[in-house]
Structures are given as structure tokens and as C-alpha cells.
C-alpha atoms as a PDB file:
ATOM      1  CA  UNK A   1       8.459 -24.796  -1.162  1.00  0.00           C
ATOM      2  CA  UNK A   2       5.764 -25.517  -3.741  1.00  0.00           C
ATOM      3  CA  UNK A   3       3.987 -27.852  -1.315  1.00  0.00           C
ATOM      4  CA  UNK A   4       3.779 -25.107   1.310  1.00  0.00           C
ATOM      5  CA  UNK A   5       2.426 -22.646  -1.258  1.00  0.00           C
ATOM      6  CA  UNK A   6      -0.170 -25.245  -2.301  1.00  0.00           C
ATOM      7  CA  UNK A   7      -1.199 -25.578   1.363  1.00  0.00           C
ATOM      8  CA  UNK A   8      -1.639 -21.796   1.592  1.00  0.00           C
ATOM      9  CA  UNK A   9      -3.741 -21.844  -1.599  1.00  0.00           C
ATOM     10  CA  UNK A  10      -5.920 -24.572  -0.078  1.00  0.00           C
ATOM     11  CA  UNK A  11      -6.561 -22.359   2.968  1.00  0.00           C
ATOM     12  CA  UNK A  12      -7.670 -19.507   0.699  1.00  0.00           C
ATOM     13  CA  UNK A  13      -9.987 -21.564  -1.547  1.00  0.00           C
ATOM     14  CA  UNK A  14     -13.072 -21.423   0.651  1.00  0.00           C
ATOM     15  CA  UNK A  15     -14.041 -17.778   0.765  1.00  0.00           C
ATOM     16  CA  UNK A  16     -14.912 -18.035   4.448  1.00  0.00           C
ATOM     17  CA  UNK A  17     -13.340 -15.736   6.976  1.00  0.00           C
ATOM     18  CA  UNK A  18      -9.921 -17.037   7.970  1.00  0.00           C
ATOM     19  CA  UNK A  19      -9.867 -18.231  11.570  1.00  0.00           C
ATOM     20  CA  UNK A  20      -7.152 -17.184  14.000  1.00  0.00           C
ATOM     21  CA  UNK A  21      -5.734 -20.718  13.766  1.00  0.00           C
ATOM     22  CA  UNK A  22      -5.579 -20.480   9.966  1.00  0.00           C
ATOM     23  CA  UNK A  23      -3.866 -17.087  10.162  1.00  0.00           C
ATOM     24  CA  UNK A  24      -1.269 -18.540  12.538  1.00  0.00           C
ATOM     25  CA  UNK A  25      -0.823 -21.553  10.245  1.00  0.00           C
ATOM     26  CA  UNK A  26      -0.065 -19.204   7.333  1.00  0.00           C
ATOM     27  CA  UNK A  27       2.243 -17.169   9.596  1.00  0.00           C
ATOM     28  CA  UNK A  28       4.343 -20.271  10.341  1.00  0.00           C
ATOM     29  CA  UNK A  29       4.242 -21.573   6.750  1.00  0.00           C
ATOM     30  CA  UNK A  30       5.598 -18.284   5.395  1.00  0.00           C
ATOM     31  CA  UNK A  31       8.263 -18.314   8.109  1.00  0.00           C
ATOM     32  CA  UNK A  32       9.260 -21.866   7.176  1.00  0.00           C
ATOM     33  CA  UNK A  33       9.970 -20.583   3.657  1.00  0.00           C
ATOM     34  CA  UNK A  34      12.356 -18.019   5.147  1.00  0.00           C
ATOM     35  CA  UNK A  35      10.044 -15.089   4.475  1.00  0.00           C
ATOM     36  CA  UNK A  36       8.647 -12.574   6.966  1.00  0.00           C
ATOM     37  CA  UNK A  37       4.939 -12.100   7.792  1.00  0.00           C
ATOM     38  CA  UNK A  38       4.034  -9.047   9.890  1.00  0.00           C
ATOM     39  CA  UNK A  39       0.536  -8.362  11.184  1.00  0.00           C
ATOM     40  CA  UNK A  40       0.003  -5.062  12.999  1.00  0.00           C
ATOM     41  CA  UNK A  41      -2.982  -3.568  14.791  1.00  0.00           C
ATOM     42  CA  UNK A  42      -2.651   0.196  15.096  1.00  0.00           C
ATOM     43  CA  UNK A  43      -5.837   0.858  17.041  1.00  0.00           C
ATOM     44  CA  UNK A  44      -4.906   4.498  17.562  1.00  0.00           C
ATOM     45  CA  UNK A  45      -5.685   5.210  13.932  1.00  0.00           C
ATOM     46  CA  UNK A  46      -9.325   5.818  13.146  1.00  0.00           C
ATOM     47  CA  UNK A  47      -9.004   4.276   9.695  1.00  0.00           C
ATOM     48  CA  UNK A  48      -6.891   1.448   8.247  1.00  0.00           C
ATOM     49  CA  UNK A  49      -6.167   0.038  11.693  1.00  0.00           C
ATOM     50  CA  UNK A  50      -4.603  -3.193  10.369  1.00  0.00           C
ATOM     51  CA  UNK A  51      -1.405  -3.603   8.380  1.00  0.00           C
ATOM     52  CA  UNK A  52      -0.125  -6.799   6.778  1.00  0.00           C
ATOM     53  CA  UNK A  53       3.420  -6.943   5.398  1.00  0.00           C
ATOM     54  CA  UNK A  54       5.114  -9.910   3.756  1.00  0.00           C
ATOM     55  CA  UNK A  55       8.816  -9.523   2.976  1.00  0.00           C
ATOM     56  CA  UNK A  56      11.416 -11.787   1.466  1.00  0.00           C
ATOM     57  CA  UNK A  57      14.442 -12.381   3.646  1.00  0.00           C
ATOM     58  CA  UNK A  58      16.356 -13.213   0.447  1.00  0.00           C
ATOM     59  CA  UNK A  59      15.270 -10.220  -1.650  1.00  0.00           C
ATOM     60  CA  UNK A  60      13.320 -12.529  -3.978  1.00  0.00           C
ATOM     61  CA  UNK A  61      10.432 -10.049  -4.271  1.00  0.00           C
ATOM     62  CA  UNK A  62       9.452  -6.523  -3.226  1.00  0.00           C
ATOM     63  CA  UNK A  63       7.694  -6.224   0.116  1.00  0.00           C
ATOM     64  CA  UNK A  64       3.945  -6.697  -0.028  1.00  0.00           C
ATOM     65  CA  UNK A  65       1.890  -4.344   2.139  1.00  0.00           C
ATOM     66  CA  UNK A  66      -1.808  -3.773   2.649  1.00  0.00           C
ATOM     67  CA  UNK A  67      -3.582  -1.497   5.127  1.00  0.00           C
ATOM     68  CA  UNK A  68      -7.276  -1.666   5.921  1.00  0.00           C
ATOM     69  CA  UNK A  69     -10.078  -2.106   8.403  1.00  0.00           C
ATOM     70  CA  UNK A  70     -11.049  -5.652   7.387  1.00  0.00           C
ATOM     71  CA  UNK A  71      -8.259  -7.966   8.491  1.00  0.00           C
ATOM     72  CA  UNK A  72      -9.534 -10.916   6.465  1.00  0.00           C
ATOM     73  CA  UNK A  73      -9.583  -8.877   3.242  1.00  0.00           C
ATOM     74  CA  UNK A  74      -6.063  -7.502   3.570  1.00  0.00           C
ATOM     75  CA  UNK A  75      -4.580 -10.862   4.614  1.00  0.00           C
ATOM     76  CA  UNK A  76      -6.170 -12.497   1.561  1.00  0.00           C
ATOM     77  CA  UNK A  77      -4.894  -9.709  -0.735  1.00  0.00           C
ATOM     78  CA  UNK A  78      -1.378  -9.998   0.681  1.00  0.00           C
ATOM     79  CA  UNK A  79      -1.364 -13.798   0.411  1.00  0.00           C
ATOM     80  CA  UNK A  80      -2.655 -13.752  -3.165  1.00  0.00           C
ATOM     81  CA  UNK A  81       0.089 -11.318  -4.164  1.00  0.00           C
ATOM     82  CA  UNK A  82       2.655 -13.397  -2.244  1.00  0.00           C
ATOM     83  CA  UNK A  83       1.620 -16.556  -4.083  1.00  0.00           C
ATOM     84  CA  UNK A  84       2.027 -14.745  -7.419  1.00  0.00           C
ATOM     85  CA  UNK A  85       5.549 -13.541  -6.569  1.00  0.00           C
END
């Protein structure tokens, strides 16, 4: 578990925009820990078109949710909060 979290931290260290491959890598890493990573595009909304939710399947922490227009920013916010939980 700690190794996977360290791998996620390593992905976040460079402040570059996360690539689609990196986002998918995080998606699978969180899943391998038994947690749930949801990424939603609600293009019908004019504002806050993206939603990121990370939930614990074991109730280990409250769900983490961020809405926004910059996908990279809200994924990073959600992952930082996830790593602190």
C-alpha cells in the first residue's frame, strides 16, 4: 500500500500537466488499493465541467470530491487529499 502511494507521489512531483497515461496509471493504482476513482465530464454544464471523486470501499476516509474546469488542477487536489487520508 505504501509503495503504491509513493508511486502516486512520484507522479505528482513534477508540476507538469498529467498526461492521459499518467491519469490512467493513477486510476489503476487507486483501484489496486481497493478504493474508487471516478472522473466525470459533464459538458452540458457551462462551469465546473469536470468532477473527480475518490472514495474508500472500506469506509477508511470520507469521499474526496472536486469540481472544476481545469482537469489537471482538480485531479492533483484530489490526489493530494487522498494521500493525506
